[in-house]
Amino acid sequence: MKKNSYIIIAFIILIFGIWALPKIAGKFSKDELVKFEKVPPFEFTNQDGKLISNKDFENKVFVIEFFFTTCPTICPKMNANMVKIQNEFYGNPEFGIASFTIDPDHDSPEVLKAYAAEKGATLKNWHFMTGDKDKIYTLSNDGFRLYVGENENVEGGFEHSGLFALIDKEGYIRSRIVKNGDNENPIKYYDGLDSKQVQWIKEDITLLLKE
């Protein structure tokens, strides 16, 4: 084969590589978030005694957490970090937060309202919700596969994660891809106790608000 032919072939390969690279790496783009399943339907009572459902979050980017007001361990830090997220997007009508109590027997709307005020949760679209315990546990355990449960042997009497779920304007769970060694995988949920991941979710909320 002549030298010119090699040059032409090399040029074609180079052009193809440049064209194909975005397509190969597209799913790992830092500006593209993975889409998971849709949030199942829910309807609970918020701190103002108003029924809140998925419809109240339509066309909004929002963050979900499961907590309880008497939690002596991780909840105070989770909600302190959630307030930081609130403050980052304060006044944006397309952003909201949904906090579901896993101790609805204690956490009435009145208790939730006092808790919200104490923690500085003043965002109009931040709903602290209570309701039927079985439905809340089904939403967490089956809907999000985030374990919650009662356990008298642990401090506070309840077990739950400190994870935040990020939801897009169409109601789908979204998350970024992170590198772990040689692998790149979606995290699905963000650690609400980790300052680095709290920063990640702020960045990713910004991306989803632009969609």
N, C-alpha and C. Protein backbone atom coordinates (compact mmCIF):
# COMPACT_ATOMS: atom_id res chain seq x y z
N MET A 1 0.85 -1.20 0.00
CA MET A 1 0.00 0.00 0.00
C MET A 1 0.88 1.25 0.00
N LYS A 2 0.53 2.23 -0.81
CA LYS A 2 1.31 3.44 -0.91
C LYS A 2 1.19 4.30 0.34
N LYS A 3 2.23 5.10 0.51
CA LYS A 3 2.29 5.98 1.69
C LYS A 3 1.07 6.89 1.75
N ASN A 4 0.64 7.43 0.62
CA ASN A 4 -0.52 8.33 0.59
C ASN A 4 -1.79 7.63 1.07
N SER A 5 -1.88 6.33 0.74
CA SER A 5 -3.06 5.56 1.17
C SER A 5 -3.11 5.43 2.68
N TYR A 6 -1.93 5.18 3.29
CA TYR A 6 -1.86 5.10 4.76
C TYR A 6 -2.29 6.43 5.39
N ILE A 7 -1.83 7.51 4.79
CA ILE A 7 -2.18 8.83 5.32
C ILE A 7 -3.67 9.06 5.25
N ILE A 8 -4.29 8.67 4.14
CA ILE A 8 -5.75 8.85 3.98
C ILE A 8 -6.50 8.01 5.00
N ILE A 9 -6.06 6.75 5.18
CA ILE A 9 -6.73 5.86 6.15
C ILE A 9 -6.59 6.41 7.57
N ALA A 10 -5.39 6.87 7.90
CA ALA A 10 -5.15 7.43 9.23
C ALA A 10 -6.03 8.65 9.46
N PHE A 11 -6.17 9.46 8.42
CA PHE A 11 -7.01 10.66 8.52
C PHE A 11 -8.47 10.29 8.76
N ILE A 12 -8.93 9.26 8.05
CA ILE A 12 -10.32 8.81 8.21
C ILE A 12 -10.56 8.29 9.63
N ILE A 13 -9.59 7.52 10.13
CA ILE A 13 -9.71 6.99 11.51
C ILE A 13 -9.75 8.12 12.52
N LEU A 14 -8.89 9.13 12.30
CA LEU A 14 -8.84 10.27 13.21
C LEU A 14 -10.17 11.01 13.23
N ILE A 15 -10.72 11.26 12.03
CA ILE A 15 -12.01 11.97 11.94
C ILE A 15 -13.12 11.16 12.59
N PHE A 16 -13.11 9.83 12.34
CA PHE A 16 -14.13 8.98 12.95
C PHE A 16 -14.01 9.00 14.47
N GLY A 17 -12.76 8.96 14.96
CA GLY A 17 -12.55 8.98 16.41
C GLY A 17 -13.07 10.24 17.04
N ILE A 18 -12.81 11.39 16.41
CA ILE A 18 -13.30 12.66 16.93
C ILE A 18 -14.81 12.70 16.93
N TRP A 19 -15.42 12.13 15.85
CA TRP A 19 -16.89 12.10 15.77
C TRP A 19 -17.50 11.17 16.80
N ALA A 20 -16.84 10.02 17.01
CA ALA A 20 -17.42 9.00 17.88
C ALA A 20 -17.19 9.26 19.35
N LEU A 21 -16.13 9.99 19.70
CA LEU A 21 -15.78 10.19 21.11
C LEU A 21 -16.93 10.72 21.95
N PRO A 22 -17.63 11.78 21.52
CA PRO A 22 -18.74 12.27 22.34
C PRO A 22 -19.82 11.23 22.54
N LYS A 23 -20.01 10.35 21.52
CA LYS A 23 -21.06 9.34 21.62
C LYS A 23 -20.66 8.23 22.57
N ILE A 24 -19.37 7.89 22.55
CA ILE A 24 -18.88 6.85 23.46
C ILE A 24 -18.87 7.36 24.89
N ALA A 25 -18.42 8.60 25.07
CA ALA A 25 -18.26 9.15 26.42
C ALA A 25 -19.48 9.90 26.90
N GLY A 26 -20.50 9.99 26.03
CA GLY A 26 -21.65 10.83 26.36
C GLY A 26 -22.32 10.46 27.66
N LYS A 27 -22.45 9.15 27.90
CA LYS A 27 -23.16 8.75 29.12
C LYS A 27 -22.34 9.02 30.37
N PHE A 28 -21.08 9.34 30.20
CA PHE A 28 -20.24 9.67 31.33
C PHE A 28 -19.98 11.16 31.43
N SER A 29 -20.72 11.95 30.66
CA SER A 29 -20.51 13.39 30.68
C SER A 29 -20.87 13.96 32.04
N LYS A 30 -20.03 14.86 32.54
CA LYS A 30 -20.30 15.47 33.84
C LYS A 30 -21.53 16.36 33.80
N ASP A 31 -21.95 16.73 32.58
CA ASP A 31 -23.10 17.60 32.45
C ASP A 31 -24.39 16.84 32.13
N GLU A 32 -24.33 15.51 32.23
CA GLU A 32 -25.52 14.71 31.96
C GLU A 32 -25.78 13.79 33.15
N LEU A 33 -26.99 13.85 33.67
CA LEU A 33 -27.33 13.05 34.84
C LEU A 33 -28.11 11.81 34.42
N VAL A 34 -27.83 10.70 35.10
CA VAL A 34 -28.52 9.44 34.83
C VAL A 34 -29.97 9.54 35.28
N LYS A 35 -30.86 8.93 34.50
CA LYS A 35 -32.29 8.91 34.84
C LYS A 35 -32.66 7.51 35.33
N PHE A 36 -33.27 7.45 36.51
CA PHE A 36 -33.74 6.20 37.08
C PHE A 36 -35.28 6.16 37.00
N GLU A 37 -35.89 5.35 37.86
CA GLU A 37 -37.33 5.19 37.82
C GLU A 37 -38.05 6.45 38.30
N LYS A 38 -39.32 6.50 37.98
CA LYS A 38 -40.16 7.62 38.39
C LYS A 38 -40.58 7.45 39.85
N VAL A 39 -40.71 8.56 40.55
CA VAL A 39 -41.17 8.52 41.95
C VAL A 39 -42.62 8.04 41.98
N PRO A 40 -42.94 7.03 42.80
CA PRO A 40 -44.32 6.55 42.86
C PRO A 40 -45.26 7.61 43.42
N PRO A 41 -46.54 7.50 43.12
CA PRO A 41 -47.51 8.48 43.63
C PRO A 41 -47.52 8.52 45.16
N PHE A 42 -47.68 9.71 45.71
CA PHE A 42 -47.80 9.86 47.16
C PHE A 42 -48.73 11.03 47.45
N GLU A 43 -49.31 10.99 48.63
CA GLU A 43 -50.14 12.11 49.11
C GLU A 43 -50.15 12.07 50.64
N PHE A 44 -49.58 13.11 51.25
CA PHE A 44 -49.51 13.20 52.69
C PHE A 44 -49.83 14.62 53.14
N THR A 45 -49.94 14.80 54.44
CA THR A 45 -50.29 16.10 55.01
C THR A 45 -49.02 16.84 55.43
N ASN A 46 -48.93 18.10 55.03
CA ASN A 46 -47.72 18.86 55.37
C ASN A 46 -47.87 19.61 56.69
N GLN A 47 -46.88 20.42 57.02
CA GLN A 47 -46.84 21.12 58.31
C GLN A 47 -47.94 22.17 58.45
N ASP A 48 -48.57 22.52 57.35
CA ASP A 48 -49.67 23.49 57.40
C ASP A 48 -51.03 22.82 57.33
N GLY A 49 -51.03 21.48 57.42
CA GLY A 49 -52.29 20.75 57.38
C GLY A 49 -52.85 20.60 55.98
N LYS A 50 -52.05 20.84 54.96
CA LYS A 50 -52.48 20.76 53.57
C LYS A 50 -52.03 19.44 52.95
N LEU A 51 -52.92 18.84 52.15
CA LEU A 51 -52.55 17.61 51.45
C LEU A 51 -51.59 17.95 50.31
N ILE A 52 -50.46 17.25 50.30
CA ILE A 52 -49.44 17.47 49.28
C ILE A 52 -49.21 16.16 48.54
N SER A 53 -49.16 16.23 47.22
CA SER A 53 -48.93 15.04 46.40
C SER A 53 -47.88 15.33 45.34
N ASN A 54 -47.63 14.34 44.49
CA ASN A 54 -46.69 14.52 43.39
C ASN A 54 -47.05 15.74 42.54
N LYS A 55 -48.35 15.98 42.41
CA LYS A 55 -48.79 17.09 41.55
C LYS A 55 -48.26 18.43 42.02
N ASP A 56 -48.04 18.56 43.32
CA ASP A 56 -47.51 19.83 43.85
C ASP A 56 -46.05 20.04 43.46
N PHE A 57 -45.40 18.98 42.99
CA PHE A 57 -44.00 19.09 42.57
C PHE A 57 -43.84 18.99 41.06
N GLU A 58 -44.95 19.00 40.32
CA GLU A 58 -44.85 18.94 38.87
C GLU A 58 -44.09 20.16 38.34
N ASN A 59 -43.21 19.91 37.37
CA ASN A 59 -42.39 20.97 36.76
C ASN A 59 -41.45 21.64 37.77
N LYS A 60 -41.13 20.90 38.83
CA LYS A 60 -40.16 21.39 39.82
C LYS A 60 -39.05 20.35 39.99
N VAL A 61 -37.86 20.84 40.23
CA VAL A 61 -36.76 19.98 40.68
C VAL A 61 -36.85 19.94 42.20
N PHE A 62 -36.81 18.74 42.78
CA PHE A 62 -36.92 18.70 44.25
C PHE A 62 -36.07 17.59 44.84
N VAL A 63 -35.82 17.73 46.13
CA VAL A 63 -35.00 16.79 46.88
C VAL A 63 -35.88 16.11 47.93
N ILE A 64 -35.69 14.81 48.10
CA ILE A 64 -36.48 14.03 49.06
C ILE A 64 -35.57 13.47 50.15
N GLU A 65 -36.09 13.47 51.38
CA GLU A 65 -35.40 12.84 52.51
C GLU A 65 -36.43 12.17 53.41
N PHE A 66 -35.98 11.21 54.21
CA PHE A 66 -36.80 10.57 55.24
C PHE A 66 -36.10 10.82 56.58
N PHE A 67 -36.86 11.28 57.57
CA PHE A 67 -36.28 11.73 58.84
C PHE A 67 -37.34 11.60 59.94
N PHE A 68 -37.01 12.03 61.16
CA PHE A 68 -38.03 12.20 62.20
C PHE A 68 -37.54 13.27 63.17
N THR A 69 -38.45 13.99 63.76
CA THR A 69 -38.10 15.20 64.50
C THR A 69 -37.33 14.94 65.79
N THR A 70 -37.51 13.77 66.39
CA THR A 70 -36.82 13.48 67.66
C THR A 70 -35.53 12.70 67.43
N CYS A 71 -35.10 12.60 66.21
CA CYS A 71 -33.87 11.87 65.86
C CYS A 71 -32.67 12.50 66.59
N PRO A 72 -31.95 11.71 67.37
CA PRO A 72 -30.81 12.26 68.12
C PRO A 72 -29.47 12.08 67.41
N THR A 73 -29.48 11.50 66.22
CA THR A 73 -28.22 11.16 65.57
C THR A 73 -28.02 11.94 64.27
N ILE A 74 -28.44 11.39 63.14
CA ILE A 74 -28.08 11.98 61.84
C ILE A 74 -29.02 13.06 61.32
N CYS A 75 -30.27 13.06 61.78
CA CYS A 75 -31.25 14.01 61.22
C CYS A 75 -30.86 15.48 61.37
N PRO A 76 -30.37 15.92 62.53
CA PRO A 76 -30.00 17.33 62.65
C PRO A 76 -28.98 17.76 61.60
N LYS A 77 -28.00 16.90 61.33
CA LYS A 77 -27.00 17.25 60.31
C LYS A 77 -27.61 17.21 58.92
N MET A 78 -28.46 16.22 58.66
CA MET A 78 -29.15 16.14 57.37
C MET A 78 -29.93 17.41 57.09
N ASN A 79 -30.67 17.85 58.08
CA ASN A 79 -31.53 19.02 57.86
C ASN A 79 -30.73 20.32 57.83
N ALA A 80 -29.60 20.36 58.54
CA ALA A 80 -28.72 21.52 58.43
C ALA A 80 -28.17 21.64 57.01
N ASN A 81 -27.82 20.49 56.42
CA ASN A 81 -27.34 20.49 55.04
C ASN A 81 -28.47 20.78 54.05
N MET A 82 -29.68 20.33 54.39
CA MET A 82 -30.82 20.63 53.53
C MET A 82 -31.12 22.12 53.54
N VAL A 83 -30.93 22.77 54.68
CA VAL A 83 -31.11 24.22 54.76
C VAL A 83 -30.10 24.93 53.85
N LYS A 84 -28.88 24.41 53.78
CA LYS A 84 -27.88 24.98 52.89
C LYS A 84 -28.34 24.86 51.43
N ILE A 85 -28.94 23.73 51.10
CA ILE A 85 -29.48 23.55 49.75
C ILE A 85 -30.64 24.52 49.51
N GLN A 86 -31.52 24.62 50.50
CA GLN A 86 -32.62 25.58 50.43
C GLN A 86 -32.10 26.99 50.11
N ASN A 87 -31.10 27.42 50.86
CA ASN A 87 -30.59 28.79 50.73
C ASN A 87 -29.95 29.03 49.37
N GLU A 88 -29.39 27.96 48.78
CA GLU A 88 -28.74 28.09 47.47
C GLU A 88 -29.77 28.42 46.38
N PHE A 89 -31.01 27.92 46.55
CA PHE A 89 -32.03 28.08 45.51
C PHE A 89 -33.25 28.84 46.02
N TYR A 90 -33.04 29.58 47.08
CA TYR A 90 -34.15 30.31 47.71
C TYR A 90 -34.79 31.28 46.70
N GLY A 91 -36.11 31.26 46.67
CA GLY A 91 -36.83 32.17 45.78
C GLY A 91 -37.06 31.62 44.39
N ASN A 92 -36.48 30.46 44.08
CA ASN A 92 -36.71 29.84 42.77
C ASN A 92 -37.99 29.01 42.83
N PRO A 93 -39.03 29.40 42.11
CA PRO A 93 -40.30 28.69 42.19
C PRO A 93 -40.26 27.30 41.58
N GLU A 94 -39.17 26.97 40.87
CA GLU A 94 -39.05 25.67 40.24
C GLU A 94 -38.27 24.68 41.10
N PHE A 95 -38.02 25.06 42.36
CA PHE A 95 -37.29 24.16 43.27
C PHE A 95 -38.11 23.89 44.51
N GLY A 96 -38.02 22.66 45.03
CA GLY A 96 -38.73 22.31 46.25
C GLY A 96 -38.04 21.20 47.02
N ILE A 97 -38.52 20.94 48.23
CA ILE A 97 -37.98 19.88 49.10
C ILE A 97 -39.15 19.12 49.72
N ALA A 98 -39.02 17.80 49.79
CA ALA A 98 -40.03 16.95 50.43
C ALA A 98 -39.38 16.15 51.53
N SER A 99 -39.78 16.41 52.78
CA SER A 99 -39.24 15.70 53.94
C SER A 99 -40.35 14.87 54.55
N PHE A 100 -40.17 13.55 54.55
CA PHE A 100 -41.19 12.63 55.06
C PHE A 100 -40.77 12.12 56.44
N THR A 101 -41.62 12.29 57.43
CA THR A 101 -41.29 11.75 58.74
C THR A 101 -41.56 10.26 58.77
N ILE A 102 -40.68 9.51 59.45
CA ILE A 102 -40.89 8.08 59.62
C ILE A 102 -41.46 7.78 61.00
N ASP A 103 -41.82 8.84 61.73
CA ASP A 103 -42.47 8.69 63.03
C ASP A 103 -43.75 9.52 63.06
N PRO A 104 -44.69 9.17 62.18
CA PRO A 104 -45.91 9.97 62.09
C PRO A 104 -46.79 9.93 63.33
N ASP A 105 -46.62 8.92 64.19
CA ASP A 105 -47.41 8.86 65.42
C ASP A 105 -47.07 10.05 66.33
N HIS A 106 -45.83 10.49 66.27
CA HIS A 106 -45.41 11.64 67.07
C HIS A 106 -45.42 12.94 66.26
N ASP A 107 -44.99 12.83 65.02
CA ASP A 107 -44.78 14.03 64.20
C ASP A 107 -46.06 14.47 63.50
N SER A 108 -46.89 15.17 64.24
CA SER A 108 -48.12 15.75 63.70
C SER A 108 -47.77 16.98 62.88
N PRO A 109 -48.72 17.53 62.12
CA PRO A 109 -48.44 18.77 61.39
C PRO A 109 -47.94 19.88 62.31
N GLU A 110 -48.50 19.97 63.51
CA GLU A 110 -48.08 21.01 64.45
C GLU A 110 -46.63 20.82 64.88
N VAL A 111 -46.26 19.57 65.15
CA VAL A 111 -44.88 19.26 65.55
C VAL A 111 -43.93 19.57 64.39
N LEU A 112 -44.33 19.20 63.18
CA LEU A 112 -43.50 19.46 62.00
C LEU A 112 -43.34 20.95 61.74
N LYS A 113 -44.39 21.71 61.98
CA LYS A 113 -44.31 23.16 61.76
C LYS A 113 -43.32 23.80 62.73
N ALA A 114 -43.38 23.37 63.99
CA ALA A 114 -42.43 23.90 64.98
C ALA A 114 -41.01 23.48 64.64
N TYR A 115 -40.85 22.26 64.19
CA TYR A 115 -39.52 21.75 63.82
C TYR A 115 -38.95 22.53 62.64
N ALA A 116 -39.79 22.77 61.64
CA ALA A 116 -39.35 23.52 60.46
C ALA A 116 -38.88 24.92 60.84
N ALA A 117 -39.63 25.56 61.72
CA ALA A 117 -39.27 26.92 62.16
C ALA A 117 -37.95 26.89 62.93
N GLU A 118 -37.79 25.89 63.78
CA GLU A 118 -36.57 25.78 64.59
C GLU A 118 -35.33 25.57 63.72
N LYS A 119 -35.49 24.81 62.63
CA LYS A 119 -34.35 24.48 61.78
C LYS A 119 -34.08 25.52 60.69
N GLY A 120 -34.97 26.50 60.56
CA GLY A 120 -34.76 27.52 59.54
C GLY A 120 -35.26 27.12 58.18
N ALA A 121 -36.22 26.20 58.14
CA ALA A 121 -36.81 25.76 56.87
C ALA A 121 -37.95 26.71 56.51
N THR A 122 -37.63 27.71 55.74
CA THR A 122 -38.61 28.76 55.42
C THR A 122 -39.02 28.78 53.95
N LEU A 123 -38.44 27.90 53.15
CA LEU A 123 -38.77 27.83 51.72
C LEU A 123 -40.25 27.46 51.56
N LYS A 124 -40.95 28.22 50.73
CA LYS A 124 -42.37 27.99 50.51
C LYS A 124 -42.65 26.58 50.02
N ASN A 125 -41.77 26.06 49.17
CA ASN A 125 -41.98 24.73 48.59
C ASN A 125 -41.25 23.62 49.36
N TRP A 126 -40.94 23.88 50.63
CA TRP A 126 -40.37 22.81 51.48
C TRP A 126 -41.50 22.25 52.32
N HIS A 127 -41.92 21.03 52.00
CA HIS A 127 -43.05 20.41 52.69
C HIS A 127 -42.56 19.29 53.61
N PHE A 128 -42.86 19.43 54.90
CA PHE A 128 -42.60 18.39 55.89
C PHE A 128 -43.89 17.59 56.00
N MET A 129 -43.82 16.28 55.69
CA MET A 129 -45.06 15.53 55.54
C MET A 129 -45.20 14.38 56.52
N THR A 130 -46.45 14.17 56.92
CA THR A 130 -46.80 13.10 57.83
C THR A 130 -48.06 12.42 57.30
N GLY A 131 -48.35 11.25 57.83
CA GLY A 131 -49.53 10.53 57.38
C GLY A 131 -49.52 9.10 57.85
N ASP A 132 -50.14 8.22 57.09
CA ASP A 132 -50.21 6.81 57.44
C ASP A 132 -48.81 6.19 57.42
N LYS A 133 -48.44 5.56 58.53
CA LYS A 133 -47.09 5.02 58.66
C LYS A 133 -46.79 3.97 57.59
N ASP A 134 -47.73 3.07 57.36
CA ASP A 134 -47.49 2.01 56.37
C ASP A 134 -47.23 2.59 54.99
N LYS A 135 -47.95 3.64 54.63
CA LYS A 135 -47.77 4.24 53.31
C LYS A 135 -46.42 4.95 53.21
N ILE A 136 -46.01 5.60 54.28
CA ILE A 136 -44.70 6.26 54.28
C ILE A 136 -43.59 5.22 54.17
N TYR A 137 -43.71 4.12 54.92
CA TYR A 137 -42.69 3.09 54.89
C TYR A 137 -42.65 2.39 53.53
N THR A 138 -43.82 2.22 52.92
CA THR A 138 -43.87 1.62 51.58
C THR A 138 -43.20 2.54 50.57
N LEU A 139 -43.45 3.84 50.69
CA LEU A 139 -42.82 4.81 49.79
C LEU A 139 -41.30 4.73 49.90
N SER A 140 -40.80 4.66 51.12
CA SER A 140 -39.35 4.63 51.33
C SER A 140 -38.75 3.27 50.96
N ASN A 141 -39.29 2.20 51.54
CA ASN A 141 -38.70 0.87 51.37
C ASN A 141 -38.90 0.29 49.98
N ASP A 142 -40.09 0.49 49.41
CA ASP A 142 -40.39 -0.08 48.10
C ASP A 142 -40.22 0.92 46.97
N GLY A 143 -40.67 2.16 47.22
CA GLY A 143 -40.60 3.17 46.17
C GLY A 143 -39.19 3.62 45.87
N PHE A 144 -38.42 3.89 46.94
CA PHE A 144 -37.05 4.36 46.77
C PHE A 144 -36.00 3.30 47.12
N ARG A 145 -36.44 2.22 47.77
CA ARG A 145 -35.53 1.19 48.27
C ARG A 145 -34.50 1.79 49.22
N LEU A 146 -34.99 2.73 50.03
CA LEU A 146 -34.21 3.31 51.11
C LEU A 146 -34.81 2.78 52.41
N TYR A 147 -34.07 1.95 53.12
CA TYR A 147 -34.64 1.27 54.27
C TYR A 147 -34.98 2.23 55.40
N VAL A 148 -36.22 2.07 55.92
CA VAL A 148 -36.62 2.69 57.18
C VAL A 148 -37.34 1.63 58.00
N GLY A 149 -37.23 1.73 59.31
CA GLY A 149 -37.89 0.77 60.17
C GLY A 149 -37.76 1.13 61.63
N GLU A 150 -38.61 0.54 62.43
CA GLU A 150 -38.54 0.74 63.87
C GLU A 150 -37.57 -0.27 64.48
N ASN A 151 -36.80 0.19 65.44
CA ASN A 151 -35.86 -0.70 66.12
C ASN A 151 -35.59 -0.13 67.51
N GLU A 152 -36.14 -0.76 68.50
CA GLU A 152 -36.02 -0.25 69.87
C GLU A 152 -34.60 -0.34 70.41
N ASN A 153 -33.75 -1.08 69.70
CA ASN A 153 -32.38 -1.26 70.17
C ASN A 153 -31.41 -0.20 69.66
N VAL A 154 -31.90 0.70 68.79
CA VAL A 154 -31.03 1.77 68.29
C VAL A 154 -31.45 3.10 68.91
N GLU A 155 -30.52 4.01 68.96
CA GLU A 155 -30.79 5.32 69.55
C GLU A 155 -31.87 6.04 68.76
N GLY A 156 -32.92 6.47 69.45
CA GLY A 156 -34.02 7.15 68.79
C GLY A 156 -35.17 6.24 68.41
N GLY A 157 -34.89 4.91 68.33
CA GLY A 157 -35.96 3.94 68.08
C GLY A 157 -36.28 3.69 66.61
N PHE A 158 -35.59 4.36 65.68
CA PHE A 158 -35.86 4.18 64.25
C PHE A 158 -34.55 4.07 63.48
N GLU A 159 -34.60 3.29 62.41
CA GLU A 159 -33.46 3.17 61.51
C GLU A 159 -33.81 3.80 60.17
N HIS A 160 -32.87 4.55 59.62
CA HIS A 160 -33.06 5.12 58.27
C HIS A 160 -31.72 5.60 57.76
N SER A 161 -31.67 5.86 56.47
CA SER A 161 -30.42 6.32 55.87
C SER A 161 -30.34 7.84 55.92
N GLY A 162 -29.16 8.35 55.63
CA GLY A 162 -29.00 9.80 55.55
C GLY A 162 -28.93 10.27 54.10
N LEU A 163 -29.55 9.51 53.20
CA LEU A 163 -29.45 9.80 51.78
C LEU A 163 -30.54 10.76 51.30
N PHE A 164 -30.15 11.58 50.32
CA PHE A 164 -31.09 12.49 49.65
C PHE A 164 -31.34 11.97 48.23
N ALA A 165 -32.58 12.03 47.78
CA ALA A 165 -32.92 11.68 46.40
C ALA A 165 -33.21 12.96 45.63
N LEU A 166 -32.65 13.06 44.43
CA LEU A 166 -32.85 14.22 43.57
C LEU A 166 -33.85 13.86 42.47
N ILE A 167 -34.87 14.68 42.32
CA ILE A 167 -35.96 14.40 41.38
C ILE A 167 -36.05 15.51 40.34
N ASP A 168 -36.22 15.13 39.08
CA ASP A 168 -36.30 16.13 38.03
C ASP A 168 -37.73 16.64 37.82
N LYS A 169 -37.90 17.53 36.87
CA LYS A 169 -39.19 18.18 36.66
C LYS A 169 -40.28 17.23 36.17
N GLU A 170 -39.87 16.06 35.68
CA GLU A 170 -40.84 15.07 35.21
C GLU A 170 -41.08 13.98 36.24
N GLY A 171 -40.46 14.10 37.42
CA GLY A 171 -40.69 13.15 38.50
C GLY A 171 -39.78 11.95 38.51
N TYR A 172 -38.66 12.00 37.78
CA TYR A 172 -37.72 10.89 37.75
C TYR A 172 -36.54 11.13 38.71
N ILE A 173 -36.08 10.05 39.34
CA ILE A 173 -34.89 10.12 40.18
C ILE A 173 -33.68 10.31 39.26
N ARG A 174 -32.83 11.25 39.60
CA ARG A 174 -31.64 11.53 38.79
C ARG A 174 -30.39 11.54 39.67
N SER A 175 -29.25 11.23 39.07
CA SER A 175 -27.99 11.34 39.81
C SER A 175 -26.82 11.43 38.84
N ARG A 176 -25.68 11.77 39.37
CA ARG A 176 -24.46 11.88 38.57
C ARG A 176 -23.69 10.58 38.56
N ILE A 177 -22.74 10.50 37.66
CA ILE A 177 -21.81 9.38 37.60
C ILE A 177 -20.52 9.81 38.26
N VAL A 178 -19.97 8.93 39.10
CA VAL A 178 -18.71 9.25 39.77
C VAL A 178 -17.70 8.15 39.47
N LYS A 179 -16.44 8.54 39.51
CA LYS A 179 -15.37 7.59 39.23
C LYS A 179 -14.88 6.97 40.52
N ASN A 180 -14.76 5.66 40.51
CA ASN A 180 -14.25 4.91 41.66
C ASN A 180 -13.18 3.96 41.13
N GLY A 181 -11.93 4.38 41.26
CA GLY A 181 -10.86 3.61 40.66
C GLY A 181 -10.94 3.70 39.15
N ASP A 182 -11.02 2.53 38.51
CA ASP A 182 -11.14 2.50 37.04
C ASP A 182 -12.58 2.47 36.57
N ASN A 183 -13.52 2.44 37.50
CA ASN A 183 -14.93 2.33 37.14
C ASN A 183 -15.65 3.66 37.30
N GLU A 184 -16.69 3.83 36.48
CA GLU A 184 -17.55 5.00 36.58
C GLU A 184 -18.99 4.50 36.71
N ASN A 185 -19.64 4.86 37.80
CA ASN A 185 -20.99 4.37 38.06
C ASN A 185 -21.86 5.48 38.64
N PRO A 186 -23.17 5.42 38.40
CA PRO A 186 -24.07 6.40 39.03
C PRO A 186 -24.22 6.10 40.51
N ILE A 187 -24.30 7.14 41.30
CA ILE A 187 -24.45 6.94 42.74
C ILE A 187 -25.92 6.76 43.14
N LYS A 188 -26.83 7.18 42.32
CA LYS A 188 -28.30 7.18 42.49
C LYS A 188 -28.74 8.14 43.58
N TYR A 189 -28.20 8.02 44.81
CA TYR A 189 -28.56 8.92 45.89
C TYR A 189 -27.33 9.66 46.41
N TYR A 190 -27.58 10.78 47.06
CA TYR A 190 -26.51 11.63 47.58
C TYR A 190 -26.47 11.52 49.10
N ASP A 191 -25.30 11.42 49.66
CA ASP A 191 -25.13 11.32 51.11
C ASP A 191 -25.36 12.69 51.74
N GLY A 192 -26.47 12.81 52.46
CA GLY A 192 -26.83 14.08 53.08
C GLY A 192 -25.97 14.47 54.26
N LEU A 193 -25.03 13.58 54.63
CA LEU A 193 -24.13 13.86 55.75
C LEU A 193 -22.74 14.26 55.26
N ASP A 194 -22.51 14.17 53.97
CA ASP A 194 -21.20 14.41 53.38
C ASP A 194 -21.18 15.76 52.66
N SER A 195 -20.34 16.67 53.10
CA SER A 195 -20.31 18.02 52.53
C SER A 195 -19.99 18.00 51.04
N LYS A 196 -19.13 17.07 50.62
CA LYS A 196 -18.78 16.97 49.21
C LYS A 196 -19.99 16.59 48.37
N GLN A 197 -20.77 15.63 48.86
CA GLN A 197 -21.94 15.19 48.10
C GLN A 197 -23.08 16.21 48.18
N VAL A 198 -23.13 16.98 49.24
CA VAL A 198 -24.10 18.08 49.32
C VAL A 198 -23.77 19.12 48.25
N GLN A 199 -22.49 19.36 48.03
CA GLN A 199 -22.08 20.25 46.96
C GLN A 199 -22.43 19.67 45.60
N TRP A 200 -22.25 18.35 45.45
CA TRP A 200 -22.63 17.69 44.19
C TRP A 200 -24.11 17.90 43.89
N ILE A 201 -24.96 17.71 44.89
CA ILE A 201 -26.39 17.81 44.63
C ILE A 201 -26.78 19.25 44.28
N LYS A 202 -26.10 20.22 44.86
CA LYS A 202 -26.34 21.62 44.48
C LYS A 202 -26.02 21.83 43.00
N GLU A 203 -24.87 21.30 42.58
CA GLU A 203 -24.47 21.44 41.20
C GLU A 203 -25.46 20.76 40.26
N ASP A 204 -25.96 19.59 40.68
CA ASP A 204 -26.85 18.82 39.82
C ASP A 204 -28.27 19.39 39.80
N ILE A 205 -28.67 20.03 40.88
CA ILE A 205 -29.95 20.76 40.88
C ILE A 205 -29.88 21.88 39.84
N THR A 206 -28.76 22.57 39.80
CA THR A 206 -28.57 23.66 38.83
C THR A 206 -28.72 23.12 37.40
N LEU A 207 -28.13 21.94 37.14
CA LEU A 207 -28.24 21.33 35.81
C LEU A 207 -29.69 21.00 35.46
N LEU A 208 -30.41 20.42 36.43
CA LEU A 208 -31.80 20.01 36.17
C LEU A 208 -32.72 21.21 36.01
N LEU A 209 -32.43 22.29 36.69
CA LEU A 209 -33.27 23.48 36.54
C LEU A 209 -33.18 24.05 35.14
N LYS A 210 -32.10 23.74 34.43
CA LYS A 210 -31.92 24.24 33.07
C LYS A 210 -32.56 23.33 32.02
N GLU A 211 -32.98 22.13 32.44
CA GLU A 211 -33.57 21.19 31.47
C GLU A 211 -34.97 21.63 31.05
